[in-house]
Amino acid sequence: MNKKSVKLYNIIFPIWLLWLIPITWIVVLPANFIIDLIVIILTLKYLKVENIKKIAKSLILKVWIFGFLADFIGTGLMLLSNIINFDHNTPFGEWWNYNIANAISLNPYRSIYAVLWVTLSVVITAILIYILNYKVVLIKTSLEESQKKKLALSLAIFTAPYTFFIPTLWFY
């Protein structure tokens, strides 16, 4: 393994894309809003809830904002792999750089360790989405407790940041 320097492209998707190509926000923000809204509506339909339109309208903005908050925390977990710095001149430092830091930044499928890190980041983010929706967003709704839990779980499963698994190598 050669000693590699950290380059600008060692930033995690989708944050690097949003930073490098700011116009991407024009797509990302409404897309997340629409996905969140679809998940809310379909889950409420599945749960046979009355007044779906009214409930969805009252929830969507908070669900969307807290979803982004959870995603940013998850992105922080992803970036942590590059923030943790080991001496690249040591065997462990070389291993970390190749199997964790660079693999997560460029192609998580390069290493099982990177896949595990990304998976853990996605799972933690999904848990945060569940907690934030259940404990904050849905707290004052007229939904029954079981419906709140199911809606929060549905949002966590279907809106988790699976894009973390996309190799950034595909974009440059």
C-alpha atoms as a PDB file:
ATOM      1  CA  MET A   1       0.000   0.000   0.000  1.00  0.00           C
ATOM      2  CA  ASN A   2       1.305   3.390  -0.942  1.00  0.00           C
ATOM      3  CA  LYS A   3       1.044   6.336   1.342  1.00  0.00           C
ATOM      4  CA  LYS A   4      -1.833   8.423  -0.021  1.00  0.00           C
ATOM      5  CA  SER A   5      -2.546  12.048   0.666  1.00  0.00           C
ATOM      6  CA  VAL A   6      -6.000  13.228   1.568  1.00  0.00           C
ATOM      7  CA  LYS A   7      -7.612  14.981  -1.378  1.00  0.00           C
ATOM      8  CA  LEU A   8     -10.669  17.149  -1.782  1.00  0.00           C
ATOM      9  CA  TYR A   9     -12.769  14.237  -3.020  1.00  0.00           C
ATOM     10  CA  ASN A  10     -12.425  12.424   0.314  1.00  0.00           C
ATOM     11  CA  ILE A  11     -15.724  13.882   1.465  1.00  0.00           C
ATOM     12  CA  ILE A  12     -18.865  11.790   1.931  1.00  0.00           C
ATOM     13  CA  PHE A  13     -21.884  11.720  -0.380  1.00  0.00           C
ATOM     14  CA  PRO A  14     -24.251  13.543  -0.435  1.00  0.00           C
ATOM     15  CA  ILE A  15     -22.601  16.410   1.463  1.00  0.00           C
ATOM     16  CA  TRP A  16     -19.715  16.710  -0.983  1.00  0.00           C
ATOM     17  CA  LEU A  17     -22.152  16.885  -3.875  1.00  0.00           C
ATOM     18  CA  LEU A  18     -24.223  19.567  -2.168  1.00  0.00           C
ATOM     19  CA  TRP A  19     -21.096  21.572  -1.429  1.00  0.00           C
ATOM     20  CA  LEU A  20     -19.370  21.150  -4.788  1.00  0.00           C
ATOM     21  CA  ILE A  21     -22.533  21.560  -6.841  1.00  0.00           C
ATOM     22  CA  PRO A  22     -24.838  23.814  -4.783  1.00  0.00           C
ATOM     23  CA  ILE A  23     -27.604  23.649  -7.370  1.00  0.00           C
ATOM     24  CA  THR A  24     -28.051  20.025  -6.243  1.00  0.00           C
ATOM     25  CA  TRP A  25     -29.993  21.407  -3.271  1.00  0.00           C
ATOM     26  CA  ILE A  26     -32.741  22.316  -5.746  1.00  0.00           C
ATOM     27  CA  VAL A  27     -33.237  18.587  -6.360  1.00  0.00           C
ATOM     28  CA  VAL A  28     -32.360  17.144  -2.940  1.00  0.00           C
ATOM     29  CA  LEU A  29     -34.671  19.304  -0.822  1.00  0.00           C
ATOM     30  CA  PRO A  30     -37.893  18.729  -2.777  1.00  0.00           C
ATOM     31  CA  ALA A  31     -37.029  15.066  -3.412  1.00  0.00           C
ATOM     32  CA  ASN A  32     -36.660  14.420   0.316  1.00  0.00           C
ATOM     33  CA  PHE A  33     -39.860  16.338   0.982  1.00  0.00           C
ATOM     34  CA  ILE A  34     -41.781  14.253  -1.574  1.00  0.00           C
ATOM     35  CA  ILE A  35     -40.345  10.963  -0.292  1.00  0.00           C
ATOM     36  CA  ASP A  36     -41.223  11.884   3.301  1.00  0.00           C
ATOM     37  CA  LEU A  37     -44.733  12.892   2.256  1.00  0.00           C
ATOM     38  CA  ILE A  38     -45.276   9.671   0.297  1.00  0.00           C
ATOM     39  CA  VAL A  39     -44.119   7.566   3.246  1.00  0.00           C
ATOM     40  CA  ILE A  40     -46.430   9.455   5.615  1.00  0.00           C
ATOM     41  CA  ILE A  41     -49.459   9.148   3.330  1.00  0.00           C
ATOM     42  CA  LEU A  42     -48.927   5.487   2.447  1.00  0.00           C
ATOM     43  CA  THR A  43     -48.304   4.516   6.060  1.00  0.00           C
ATOM     44  CA  LEU A  44     -51.385   6.379   7.255  1.00  0.00           C
ATOM     45  CA  LYS A  45     -53.436   4.688   4.503  1.00  0.00           C
ATOM     46  CA  TYR A  46     -52.065   1.309   5.533  1.00  0.00           C
ATOM     47  CA  LEU A  47     -52.991   2.062   9.149  1.00  0.00           C
ATOM     48  CA  LYS A  48     -56.495   3.083   7.982  1.00  0.00           C
ATOM     49  CA  VAL A  49     -56.240   6.501   9.631  1.00  0.00           C
ATOM     50  CA  GLU A  50     -58.978   9.081   9.022  1.00  0.00           C
ATOM     51  CA  ASN A  51     -58.137  12.630   7.866  1.00  0.00           C
ATOM     52  CA  ILE A  52     -54.892  11.598   6.177  1.00  0.00           C
ATOM     53  CA  LYS A  53     -54.561  14.889   4.305  1.00  0.00           C
ATOM     54  CA  LYS A  54     -54.927  16.966   7.470  1.00  0.00           C
ATOM     55  CA  ILE A  55     -52.519  14.809   9.475  1.00  0.00           C
ATOM     56  CA  ALA A  56     -49.948  14.620   6.671  1.00  0.00           C
ATOM     57  CA  LYS A  57     -50.104  18.400   6.220  1.00  0.00           C
ATOM     58  CA  SER A  58     -49.505  18.947   9.939  1.00  0.00           C
ATOM     59  CA  LEU A  59     -46.536  16.549  10.051  1.00  0.00           C
ATOM     60  CA  ILE A  60     -44.602  16.901   6.812  1.00  0.00           C
ATOM     61  CA  LEU A  61     -42.519  19.987   7.555  1.00  0.00           C
ATOM     62  CA  LYS A  62     -41.310  18.682  10.931  1.00  0.00           C
ATOM     63  CA  VAL A  63     -40.671  15.182   9.542  1.00  0.00           C
ATOM     64  CA  TRP A  64     -38.673  16.703   6.694  1.00  0.00           C
ATOM     65  CA  ILE A  65     -36.582  18.981   8.939  1.00  0.00           C
ATOM     66  CA  PHE A  66     -35.860  16.318  11.562  1.00  0.00           C
ATOM     67  CA  GLY A  67     -35.031  13.849   8.783  1.00  0.00           C
ATOM     68  CA  PHE A  68     -32.356  16.218   7.527  1.00  0.00           C
ATOM     69  CA  LEU A  69     -31.065  16.666  11.072  1.00  0.00           C
ATOM     70  CA  ALA A  70     -30.715  12.892  11.454  1.00  0.00           C
ATOM     71  CA  ASP A  71     -29.054  12.665   8.018  1.00  0.00           C
ATOM     72  CA  PHE A  72     -26.501  15.320   8.975  1.00  0.00           C
ATOM     73  CA  ILE A  73     -25.679  13.431  12.170  1.00  0.00           C
ATOM     74  CA  GLY A  74     -25.285  10.267  10.096  1.00  0.00           C
ATOM     75  CA  THR A  75     -23.028  12.154   7.703  1.00  0.00           C
ATOM     76  CA  GLY A  76     -20.957  13.214  10.711  1.00  0.00           C
ATOM     77  CA  LEU A  77     -20.541   9.548  11.609  1.00  0.00           C
ATOM     78  CA  MET A  78     -19.379   8.879   8.068  1.00  0.00           C
ATOM     79  CA  LEU A  79     -16.919  11.775   8.177  1.00  0.00           C
ATOM     80  CA  LEU A  80     -15.611  10.534  11.517  1.00  0.00           C
ATOM     81  CA  SER A  81     -13.773   7.813   9.616  1.00  0.00           C
ATOM     82  CA  ASN A  82     -11.641  10.532   8.010  1.00  0.00           C
ATOM     83  CA  ILE A  83     -11.385  12.682  11.125  1.00  0.00           C
ATOM     84  CA  ILE A  84      -9.912   9.833  13.146  1.00  0.00           C
ATOM     85  CA  ASN A  85      -6.305  10.048  12.081  1.00  0.00           C
ATOM     86  CA  PHE A  86      -3.638   7.438  12.565  1.00  0.00           C
ATOM     87  CA  ASP A  87      -0.011   7.804  11.530  1.00  0.00           C
ATOM     88  CA  HIS A  88       0.056   6.619   7.915  1.00  0.00           C
ATOM     89  CA  ASN A  89       3.627   5.397   8.409  1.00  0.00           C
ATOM     90  CA  THR A  90       2.503   2.626  10.753  1.00  0.00           C
ATOM     91  CA  PRO A  91       0.976  -0.670   9.625  1.00  0.00           C
ATOM     92  CA  PHE A  92      -2.288   0.119  11.438  1.00  0.00           C
ATOM     93  CA  GLY A  93      -2.364   3.641   9.987  1.00  0.00           C
ATOM     94  CA  GLU A  94      -1.934   2.255   6.477  1.00  0.00           C
ATOM     95  CA  TRP A  95      -4.641  -0.350   7.152  1.00  0.00           C
ATOM     96  CA  TRP A  96      -7.037   2.300   8.528  1.00  0.00           C
ATOM     97  CA  ASN A  97      -6.445   4.624   5.619  1.00  0.00           C
ATOM     98  CA  TYR A  98      -7.014   1.912   2.986  1.00  0.00           C
ATOM     99  CA  ASN A  99      -9.784  -0.159   4.616  1.00  0.00           C
ATOM    100  CA  ILE A 100     -11.731   2.514   6.467  1.00  0.00           C
ATOM    101  CA  ALA A 101     -11.065   6.172   5.594  1.00  0.00           C
ATOM    102  CA  ASN A 102     -10.468   5.946   1.846  1.00  0.00           C
ATOM    103  CA  ALA A 103     -12.851   3.038   1.337  1.00  0.00           C
ATOM    104  CA  ILE A 104     -15.728   4.884   3.003  1.00  0.00           C
ATOM    105  CA  SER A 105     -14.950   8.059   1.094  1.00  0.00           C
ATOM    106  CA  LEU A 106     -14.492   6.484  -2.320  1.00  0.00           C
ATOM    107  CA  ASN A 107     -16.002   3.008  -2.482  1.00  0.00           C
ATOM    108  CA  PRO A 108     -17.288   1.305   0.663  1.00  0.00           C
ATOM    109  CA  TYR A 109     -17.411  -2.042  -1.175  1.00  0.00           C
ATOM    110  CA  ARG A 110     -13.614  -2.092  -1.269  1.00  0.00           C
ATOM    111  CA  SER A 111     -13.545  -3.368   2.324  1.00  0.00           C
ATOM    112  CA  ILE A 112     -15.917  -5.298   4.584  1.00  0.00           C
ATOM    113  CA  TYR A 113     -14.891  -2.909   7.366  1.00  0.00           C
ATOM    114  CA  ALA A 114     -16.070   0.068   5.328  1.00  0.00           C
ATOM    115  CA  VAL A 115     -19.360  -1.687   4.532  1.00  0.00           C
ATOM    116  CA  LEU A 116     -19.836  -2.328   8.254  1.00  0.00           C
ATOM    117  CA  TRP A 117     -19.048   1.320   9.103  1.00  0.00           C
ATOM    118  CA  VAL A 118     -21.491   2.596   6.491  1.00  0.00           C
ATOM    119  CA  THR A 119     -24.139   0.106   7.609  1.00  0.00           C
ATOM    120  CA  LEU A 120     -23.717   1.191  11.220  1.00  0.00           C
ATOM    121  CA  SER A 121     -24.004   4.848  10.166  1.00  0.00           C
ATOM    122  CA  VAL A 122     -27.219   4.130   8.240  1.00  0.00           C
ATOM    123  CA  VAL A 123     -28.676   2.124  11.143  1.00  0.00           C
ATOM    124  CA  ILE A 124     -27.827   4.826  13.697  1.00  0.00           C
ATOM    125  CA  THR A 125     -29.370   7.448  11.410  1.00  0.00           C
ATOM    126  CA  ALA A 126     -32.517   5.324  11.018  1.00  0.00           C
ATOM    127  CA  ILE A 127     -32.734   4.980  14.800  1.00  0.00           C
ATOM    128  CA  LEU A 128     -32.412   8.764  15.112  1.00  0.00           C
ATOM    129  CA  ILE A 129     -35.153   9.237  12.507  1.00  0.00           C
ATOM    130  CA  TYR A 130     -37.384   6.899  14.524  1.00  0.00           C
ATOM    131  CA  ILE A 131     -36.653   8.607  17.857  1.00  0.00           C
ATOM    132  CA  LEU A 132     -36.999  12.163  16.541  1.00  0.00           C
ATOM    133  CA  ASN A 133     -40.273  11.382  14.805  1.00  0.00           C
ATOM    134  CA  TYR A 134     -41.753   9.350  17.649  1.00  0.00           C
ATOM    135  CA  LYS A 135     -40.575  11.539  20.546  1.00  0.00           C
ATOM    136  CA  VAL A 136     -40.755  14.993  18.922  1.00  0.00           C
ATOM    137  CA  VAL A 137     -42.788  15.155  15.715  1.00  0.00           C
ATOM    138  CA  LEU A 138     -45.627  12.770  16.556  1.00  0.00           C
ATOM    139  CA  ILE A 139     -45.917  13.580  20.249  1.00  0.00           C
ATOM    140  CA  LYS A 140     -48.953  15.886  19.926  1.00  0.00           C
ATOM    141  CA  THR A 141     -50.808  14.154  17.114  1.00  0.00           C
ATOM    142  CA  SER A 142     -54.179  12.499  17.522  1.00  0.00           C
ATOM    143  CA  LEU A 143     -52.740   9.157  16.420  1.00  0.00           C
ATOM    144  CA  GLU A 144     -52.820   6.205  18.787  1.00  0.00           C
ATOM    145  CA  GLU A 145     -49.500   5.156  20.346  1.00  0.00           C
ATOM    146  CA  SER A 146     -49.253   2.056  18.153  1.00  0.00           C
ATOM    147  CA  GLN A 147     -49.892   4.187  15.052  1.00  0.00           C
ATOM    148  CA  LYS A 148     -47.220   6.687  16.112  1.00  0.00           C
ATOM    149  CA  LYS A 149     -44.701   3.870  16.557  1.00  0.00           C
ATOM    150  CA  LYS A 150     -45.578   2.331  13.200  1.00  0.00           C
ATOM    151  CA  LEU A 151     -45.374   5.664  11.389  1.00  0.00           C
ATOM    152  CA  ALA A 152     -42.042   6.501  13.030  1.00  0.00           C
ATOM    153  CA  LEU A 153     -40.732   3.039  12.135  1.00  0.00           C
ATOM    154  CA  SER A 154     -41.942   3.379   8.560  1.00  0.00           C
ATOM    155  CA  LEU A 155     -40.180   6.734   8.227  1.00  0.00           C
ATOM    156  CA  ALA A 156     -37.004   5.290   9.738  1.00  0.00           C
ATOM    157  CA  ILE A 157     -36.942   2.325   7.369  1.00  0.00           C
ATOM    158  CA  PHE A 158     -37.938   4.058   4.149  1.00  0.00           C
ATOM    159  CA  THR A 159     -36.083   7.360   4.582  1.00  0.00           C
ATOM    160  CA  ALA A 160     -32.783   6.138   6.035  1.00  0.00           C
ATOM    161  CA  PRO A 161     -29.792   7.503   4.081  1.00  0.00           C
ATOM    162  CA  TYR A 162     -29.064   4.486   1.893  1.00  0.00           C
ATOM    163  CA  THR A 163     -27.195   6.897  -0.384  1.00  0.00           C
ATOM    164  CA  PHE A 164     -24.260   6.472   2.008  1.00  0.00           C
ATOM    165  CA  PHE A 165     -23.628   3.182   0.198  1.00  0.00           C
ATOM    166  CA  ILE A 166     -23.192   4.906  -3.172  1.00  0.00           C
ATOM    167  CA  PRO A 167     -19.493   4.981  -4.124  1.00  0.00           C
ATOM    168  CA  THR A 168     -18.319   8.528  -4.744  1.00  0.00           C
ATOM    169  CA  LEU A 169     -16.062   7.123  -7.472  1.00  0.00           C
ATOM    170  CA  TRP A 170     -19.170   7.049  -9.668  1.00  0.00           C
ATOM    171  CA  PHE A 171     -19.285  10.847  -9.684  1.00  0.00           C
ATOM    172  CA  TYR A 172     -15.842  11.829 -10.850  1.00  0.00           C
END
